[in-house]
Amino acid sequence: MAIDPKVHERMLALLGPAYAHAYPKMLEQKYPHVLEKIANLPNSVEMERFFEDLTLTQRSGRQGFPVEVFGELQALISVYRKLHLLPEPPKQDGDVWSWVSEIGYEAGERHNE
């Protein structure tokens, strides 16, 4: 099953030139129905639920996505957050990653304490 070209165009337009590199090519090739669902989600609440269902499972016996596809999903989630299509997860006291600034981490900075 090939993806609808309109979905491909819509996703690229949404990502824009700055984030076109995050277009999920493997997801499109191996799971076009999933990419079409992502492209057609009407709002951030449903989108967040769908991404959560894709990346975290409550059901046993599921294999999950291949590493490359899972990585594309994670990159897409990150870009959607930067574009404010998904809310940032709330920071919590005691969060072991609270010292990481997203901008600094992406730039390769390290904090030594």
N, C-alpha and C. Protein backbone atom coordinates (compact mmCIF):
# COMPACT_ATOMS: atom_id res chain seq x y z
N MET A 1 0.84 -1.19 0.00
CA MET A 1 0.00 0.00 0.00
C MET A 1 0.88 1.24 0.00
N ALA A 2 0.69 2.07 -0.97
CA ALA A 2 1.44 3.33 -1.06
C ALA A 2 0.67 4.43 -0.35
N ILE A 3 1.42 5.37 0.17
CA ILE A 3 0.79 6.48 0.87
C ILE A 3 0.18 7.46 -0.15
N ASP A 4 -0.89 8.06 0.23
CA ASP A 4 -1.55 9.07 -0.60
C ASP A 4 -0.58 10.24 -0.77
N PRO A 5 -0.29 10.66 -1.99
CA PRO A 5 0.64 11.78 -2.21
C PRO A 5 0.24 13.05 -1.47
N LYS A 6 -1.06 13.24 -1.26
CA LYS A 6 -1.51 14.43 -0.52
C LYS A 6 -1.05 14.39 0.93
N VAL A 7 -1.01 13.18 1.49
CA VAL A 7 -0.54 13.03 2.87
C VAL A 7 0.94 13.38 2.94
N HIS A 8 1.70 12.87 1.97
CA HIS A 8 3.14 13.16 1.90
C HIS A 8 3.36 14.68 1.83
N GLU A 9 2.66 15.33 0.94
CA GLU A 9 2.79 16.78 0.77
C GLU A 9 2.37 17.54 2.03
N ARG A 10 1.28 17.09 2.66
CA ARG A 10 0.79 17.74 3.88
C ARG A 10 1.82 17.64 5.00
N MET A 11 2.42 16.46 5.14
CA MET A 11 3.43 16.27 6.19
C MET A 11 4.65 17.15 5.93
N LEU A 12 5.12 17.20 4.69
CA LEU A 12 6.27 18.04 4.37
C LEU A 12 5.96 19.51 4.59
N ALA A 13 4.75 19.94 4.24
CA ALA A 13 4.35 21.33 4.46
C ALA A 13 4.30 21.64 5.96
N LEU A 14 3.80 20.71 6.73
CA LEU A 14 3.71 20.89 8.18
C LEU A 14 5.11 21.01 8.80
N LEU A 15 6.02 20.15 8.36
CA LEU A 15 7.39 20.17 8.90
C LEU A 15 8.16 21.40 8.42
N GLY A 16 7.85 21.86 7.22
CA GLY A 16 8.54 23.02 6.67
C GLY A 16 9.99 22.70 6.35
N PRO A 17 10.67 23.62 5.71
CA PRO A 17 12.06 23.38 5.32
C PRO A 17 12.99 23.14 6.51
N ALA A 18 12.71 23.77 7.62
CA ALA A 18 13.59 23.63 8.79
C ALA A 18 13.58 22.22 9.36
N TYR A 19 12.47 21.50 9.22
CA TYR A 19 12.36 20.17 9.81
C TYR A 19 12.05 19.08 8.79
N ALA A 20 12.23 19.38 7.51
CA ALA A 20 11.97 18.38 6.47
C ALA A 20 12.81 17.13 6.67
N HIS A 21 13.98 17.28 7.29
CA HIS A 21 14.84 16.12 7.56
C HIS A 21 14.18 15.10 8.49
N ALA A 22 13.17 15.53 9.23
CA ALA A 22 12.50 14.63 10.18
C ALA A 22 11.34 13.87 9.54
N TYR A 23 11.15 14.03 8.24
CA TYR A 23 10.07 13.29 7.58
C TYR A 23 10.34 11.79 7.74
N PRO A 24 9.37 11.03 8.24
CA PRO A 24 9.58 9.61 8.55
C PRO A 24 9.49 8.69 7.32
N LYS A 25 10.59 8.58 6.60
CA LYS A 25 10.62 7.79 5.35
C LYS A 25 10.39 6.31 5.59
N MET A 26 11.02 5.75 6.62
CA MET A 26 10.84 4.32 6.92
C MET A 26 9.40 4.04 7.36
N LEU A 27 8.85 4.94 8.15
CA LEU A 27 7.46 4.79 8.57
C LEU A 27 6.55 4.80 7.35
N GLU A 28 6.82 5.70 6.42
CA GLU A 28 6.02 5.77 5.20
C GLU A 28 6.13 4.47 4.41
N GLN A 29 7.32 3.91 4.30
CA GLN A 29 7.53 2.69 3.51
C GLN A 29 6.92 1.46 4.17
N LYS A 30 7.14 1.33 5.48
CA LYS A 30 6.74 0.09 6.17
C LYS A 30 5.36 0.15 6.81
N TYR A 31 4.94 1.34 7.22
CA TYR A 31 3.67 1.49 7.93
C TYR A 31 2.91 2.72 7.41
N PRO A 32 2.57 2.74 6.13
CA PRO A 32 1.91 3.93 5.57
C PRO A 32 0.59 4.26 6.26
N HIS A 33 -0.12 3.24 6.73
CA HIS A 33 -1.40 3.50 7.42
C HIS A 33 -1.18 4.29 8.71
N VAL A 34 -0.06 4.07 9.37
CA VAL A 34 0.25 4.81 10.61
C VAL A 34 0.55 6.26 10.27
N LEU A 35 1.35 6.49 9.23
CA LEU A 35 1.67 7.86 8.84
C LEU A 35 0.42 8.61 8.38
N GLU A 36 -0.46 7.94 7.66
CA GLU A 36 -1.70 8.58 7.24
C GLU A 36 -2.55 8.96 8.45
N LYS A 37 -2.59 8.11 9.44
CA LYS A 37 -3.35 8.42 10.66
C LYS A 37 -2.74 9.64 11.36
N ILE A 38 -1.41 9.68 11.47
CA ILE A 38 -0.75 10.82 12.10
C ILE A 38 -1.10 12.10 11.34
N ALA A 39 -1.02 12.05 10.03
CA ALA A 39 -1.29 13.24 9.21
C ALA A 39 -2.73 13.71 9.32
N ASN A 40 -3.64 12.81 9.64
CA ASN A 40 -5.06 13.16 9.68
C ASN A 40 -5.61 13.42 11.08
N LEU A 41 -4.76 13.37 12.09
CA LEU A 41 -5.26 13.62 13.45
C LEU A 41 -5.67 15.08 13.57
N PRO A 42 -6.85 15.32 14.13
CA PRO A 42 -7.41 16.67 14.11
C PRO A 42 -6.86 17.63 15.15
N ASN A 43 -6.33 17.13 16.27
CA ASN A 43 -5.89 18.06 17.30
C ASN A 43 -4.77 17.45 18.15
N SER A 44 -4.16 18.28 18.97
CA SER A 44 -2.99 17.84 19.74
C SER A 44 -3.35 16.78 20.79
N VAL A 45 -4.56 16.82 21.32
CA VAL A 45 -4.94 15.83 22.33
C VAL A 45 -4.98 14.43 21.71
N GLU A 46 -5.65 14.32 20.58
CA GLU A 46 -5.72 13.02 19.90
C GLU A 46 -4.35 12.60 19.38
N MET A 47 -3.57 13.56 18.92
CA MET A 47 -2.24 13.28 18.42
C MET A 47 -1.35 12.74 19.54
N GLU A 48 -1.41 13.38 20.69
CA GLU A 48 -0.60 12.96 21.83
C GLU A 48 -0.98 11.54 22.26
N ARG A 49 -2.28 11.25 22.31
CA ARG A 49 -2.74 9.90 22.67
C ARG A 49 -2.25 8.87 21.66
N PHE A 50 -2.33 9.20 20.39
CA PHE A 50 -1.92 8.26 19.35
C PHE A 50 -0.42 7.99 19.42
N PHE A 51 0.39 9.04 19.57
CA PHE A 51 1.83 8.84 19.71
C PHE A 51 2.16 8.01 20.95
N GLU A 52 1.44 8.26 22.02
CA GLU A 52 1.65 7.47 23.24
C GLU A 52 1.31 6.01 23.00
N ASP A 53 0.21 5.76 22.32
CA ASP A 53 -0.18 4.38 22.01
C ASP A 53 0.85 3.70 21.11
N LEU A 54 1.46 4.47 20.20
CA LEU A 54 2.46 3.91 19.30
C LEU A 54 3.78 3.58 20.01
N THR A 55 4.15 4.42 20.96
CA THR A 55 5.48 4.28 21.57
C THR A 55 5.47 3.53 22.90
N LEU A 56 4.34 3.48 23.57
CA LEU A 56 4.22 2.76 24.84
C LEU A 56 3.07 1.78 24.72
N THR A 57 3.27 0.59 25.16
CA THR A 57 2.19 -0.38 25.05
C THR A 57 1.78 -0.88 26.43
N GLN A 58 0.52 -1.11 26.57
CA GLN A 58 -0.03 -1.70 27.79
C GLN A 58 -0.37 -3.16 27.56
N ARG A 59 -0.24 -3.59 26.30
CA ARG A 59 -0.60 -4.96 25.95
C ARG A 59 0.66 -5.81 25.82
N SER A 60 0.61 -7.01 26.33
CA SER A 60 1.75 -7.90 26.21
C SER A 60 1.73 -8.60 24.85
N GLY A 61 2.87 -9.11 24.44
CA GLY A 61 2.95 -9.85 23.21
C GLY A 61 3.14 -9.01 21.96
N ARG A 62 3.29 -7.72 22.12
CA ARG A 62 3.51 -6.87 20.94
C ARG A 62 5.00 -6.75 20.68
N GLN A 63 5.37 -6.78 19.41
CA GLN A 63 6.77 -6.67 19.03
C GLN A 63 7.27 -5.24 19.04
N GLY A 64 6.45 -4.33 18.68
CA GLY A 64 6.89 -2.95 18.56
C GLY A 64 7.46 -2.69 17.18
N PHE A 65 7.90 -1.47 16.97
CA PHE A 65 8.46 -1.07 15.69
C PHE A 65 9.93 -1.40 15.61
N PRO A 66 10.45 -1.57 14.40
CA PRO A 66 11.91 -1.68 14.24
C PRO A 66 12.58 -0.42 14.79
N VAL A 67 13.81 -0.53 15.20
CA VAL A 67 14.53 0.58 15.83
C VAL A 67 14.51 1.84 14.95
N GLU A 68 14.72 1.67 13.66
CA GLU A 68 14.76 2.83 12.76
C GLU A 68 13.42 3.56 12.74
N VAL A 69 12.34 2.82 12.71
CA VAL A 69 11.00 3.42 12.67
C VAL A 69 10.70 4.09 14.01
N PHE A 70 11.06 3.43 15.10
CA PHE A 70 10.84 4.02 16.42
C PHE A 70 11.62 5.33 16.55
N GLY A 71 12.84 5.35 16.04
CA GLY A 71 13.64 6.57 16.05
C GLY A 71 12.98 7.69 15.26
N GLU A 72 12.40 7.35 14.11
CA GLU A 72 11.68 8.35 13.33
C GLU A 72 10.48 8.88 14.09
N LEU A 73 9.77 8.01 14.78
CA LEU A 73 8.62 8.46 15.57
C LEU A 73 9.07 9.42 16.68
N GLN A 74 10.16 9.08 17.35
CA GLN A 74 10.68 9.95 18.41
C GLN A 74 11.10 11.30 17.85
N ALA A 75 11.76 11.29 16.69
CA ALA A 75 12.17 12.55 16.05
C ALA A 75 10.94 13.37 15.66
N LEU A 76 9.92 12.71 15.15
CA LEU A 76 8.70 13.41 14.75
C LEU A 76 8.00 14.01 15.97
N ILE A 77 7.95 13.28 17.06
CA ILE A 77 7.37 13.81 18.29
C ILE A 77 8.13 15.05 18.74
N SER A 78 9.45 14.99 18.70
CA SER A 78 10.28 16.13 19.09
C SER A 78 10.00 17.35 18.22
N VAL A 79 9.92 17.15 16.93
CA VAL A 79 9.63 18.26 16.01
C VAL A 79 8.22 18.80 16.25
N TYR A 80 7.27 17.92 16.44
CA TYR A 80 5.90 18.38 16.72
C TYR A 80 5.86 19.23 17.98
N ARG A 81 6.67 18.89 18.97
CA ARG A 81 6.72 19.71 20.19
C ARG A 81 7.34 21.07 19.89
N LYS A 82 8.39 21.09 19.08
CA LYS A 82 9.01 22.37 18.72
C LYS A 82 8.05 23.25 17.92
N LEU A 83 7.20 22.63 17.12
CA LEU A 83 6.22 23.37 16.33
C LEU A 83 4.94 23.65 17.13
N HIS A 84 4.92 23.25 18.39
CA HIS A 84 3.79 23.44 19.30
C HIS A 84 2.53 22.72 18.82
N LEU A 85 2.73 21.60 18.14
CA LEU A 85 1.61 20.75 17.75
C LEU A 85 1.32 19.73 18.85
N LEU A 86 2.30 19.51 19.70
CA LEU A 86 2.16 18.65 20.88
C LEU A 86 2.67 19.43 22.07
N PRO A 87 2.05 19.25 23.23
CA PRO A 87 2.56 19.95 24.41
C PRO A 87 3.85 19.30 24.91
N GLU A 88 4.67 20.11 25.55
CA GLU A 88 5.87 19.58 26.20
C GLU A 88 5.44 18.75 27.40
N PRO A 89 6.14 17.66 27.68
CA PRO A 89 5.80 16.91 28.89
C PRO A 89 6.15 17.74 30.12
N PRO A 90 5.37 17.64 31.16
CA PRO A 90 5.64 18.45 32.35
C PRO A 90 6.94 18.00 33.03
N LYS A 91 7.72 18.96 33.48
CA LYS A 91 8.93 18.66 34.26
C LYS A 91 8.48 18.34 35.68
N GLN A 92 9.14 17.38 36.28
CA GLN A 92 8.77 16.98 37.62
C GLN A 92 9.98 17.09 38.53
N ASP A 93 9.73 17.40 39.80
CA ASP A 93 10.80 17.42 40.78
C ASP A 93 11.45 16.05 40.82
N GLY A 94 12.76 16.05 40.88
CA GLY A 94 13.48 14.79 40.94
C GLY A 94 13.69 14.16 39.57
N ASP A 95 13.31 14.86 38.51
CA ASP A 95 13.51 14.35 37.16
C ASP A 95 15.01 14.29 36.89
N VAL A 96 15.53 13.11 36.61
CA VAL A 96 16.97 12.96 36.41
C VAL A 96 17.46 13.66 35.15
N TRP A 97 16.57 14.04 34.26
CA TRP A 97 16.96 14.73 33.04
C TRP A 97 16.72 16.23 33.12
N SER A 98 16.35 16.75 34.28
CA SER A 98 16.00 18.17 34.38
C SER A 98 17.18 19.09 34.09
N TRP A 99 18.40 18.61 34.21
CA TRP A 99 19.58 19.44 33.94
C TRP A 99 19.83 19.63 32.45
N VAL A 100 19.17 18.83 31.62
CA VAL A 100 19.41 18.88 30.18
C VAL A 100 18.54 19.95 29.56
N SER A 101 19.18 20.90 28.94
CA SER A 101 18.43 21.88 28.16
C SER A 101 18.31 21.32 26.76
N GLU A 102 17.11 21.32 26.23
CA GLU A 102 16.87 20.73 24.91
C GLU A 102 17.78 21.38 23.87
N ILE A 103 17.90 22.68 23.92
CA ILE A 103 18.72 23.38 22.93
C ILE A 103 20.19 23.01 23.10
N GLY A 104 20.66 23.01 24.34
CA GLY A 104 22.06 22.66 24.60
C GLY A 104 22.36 21.22 24.25
N TYR A 105 21.43 20.34 24.53
CA TYR A 105 21.64 18.92 24.23
C TYR A 105 21.75 18.70 22.73
N GLU A 106 20.87 19.34 21.97
CA GLU A 106 20.91 19.19 20.52
C GLU A 106 22.18 19.79 19.94
N ALA A 107 22.71 20.81 20.58
CA ALA A 107 23.94 21.43 20.09
C ALA A 107 25.17 20.66 20.53
N GLY A 108 24.97 19.62 21.34
CA GLY A 108 26.09 18.79 21.76
C GLY A 108 26.79 19.29 23.01
N GLU A 109 26.17 20.22 23.73
CA GLU A 109 26.78 20.73 24.94
C GLU A 109 26.64 19.71 26.07
N ARG A 110 27.58 19.70 26.97
CA ARG A 110 27.53 18.85 28.15
C ARG A 110 27.67 19.75 29.38
N HIS A 111 26.97 19.39 30.44
CA HIS A 111 27.05 20.13 31.69
C HIS A 111 27.76 19.25 32.70
N ASN A 112 28.83 19.77 33.26
CA ASN A 112 29.54 19.03 34.31
C ASN A 112 29.25 19.69 35.63
N GLU A 113 28.80 18.91 36.56
CA GLU A 113 28.48 19.46 37.88
C GLU A 113 29.35 18.79 38.90
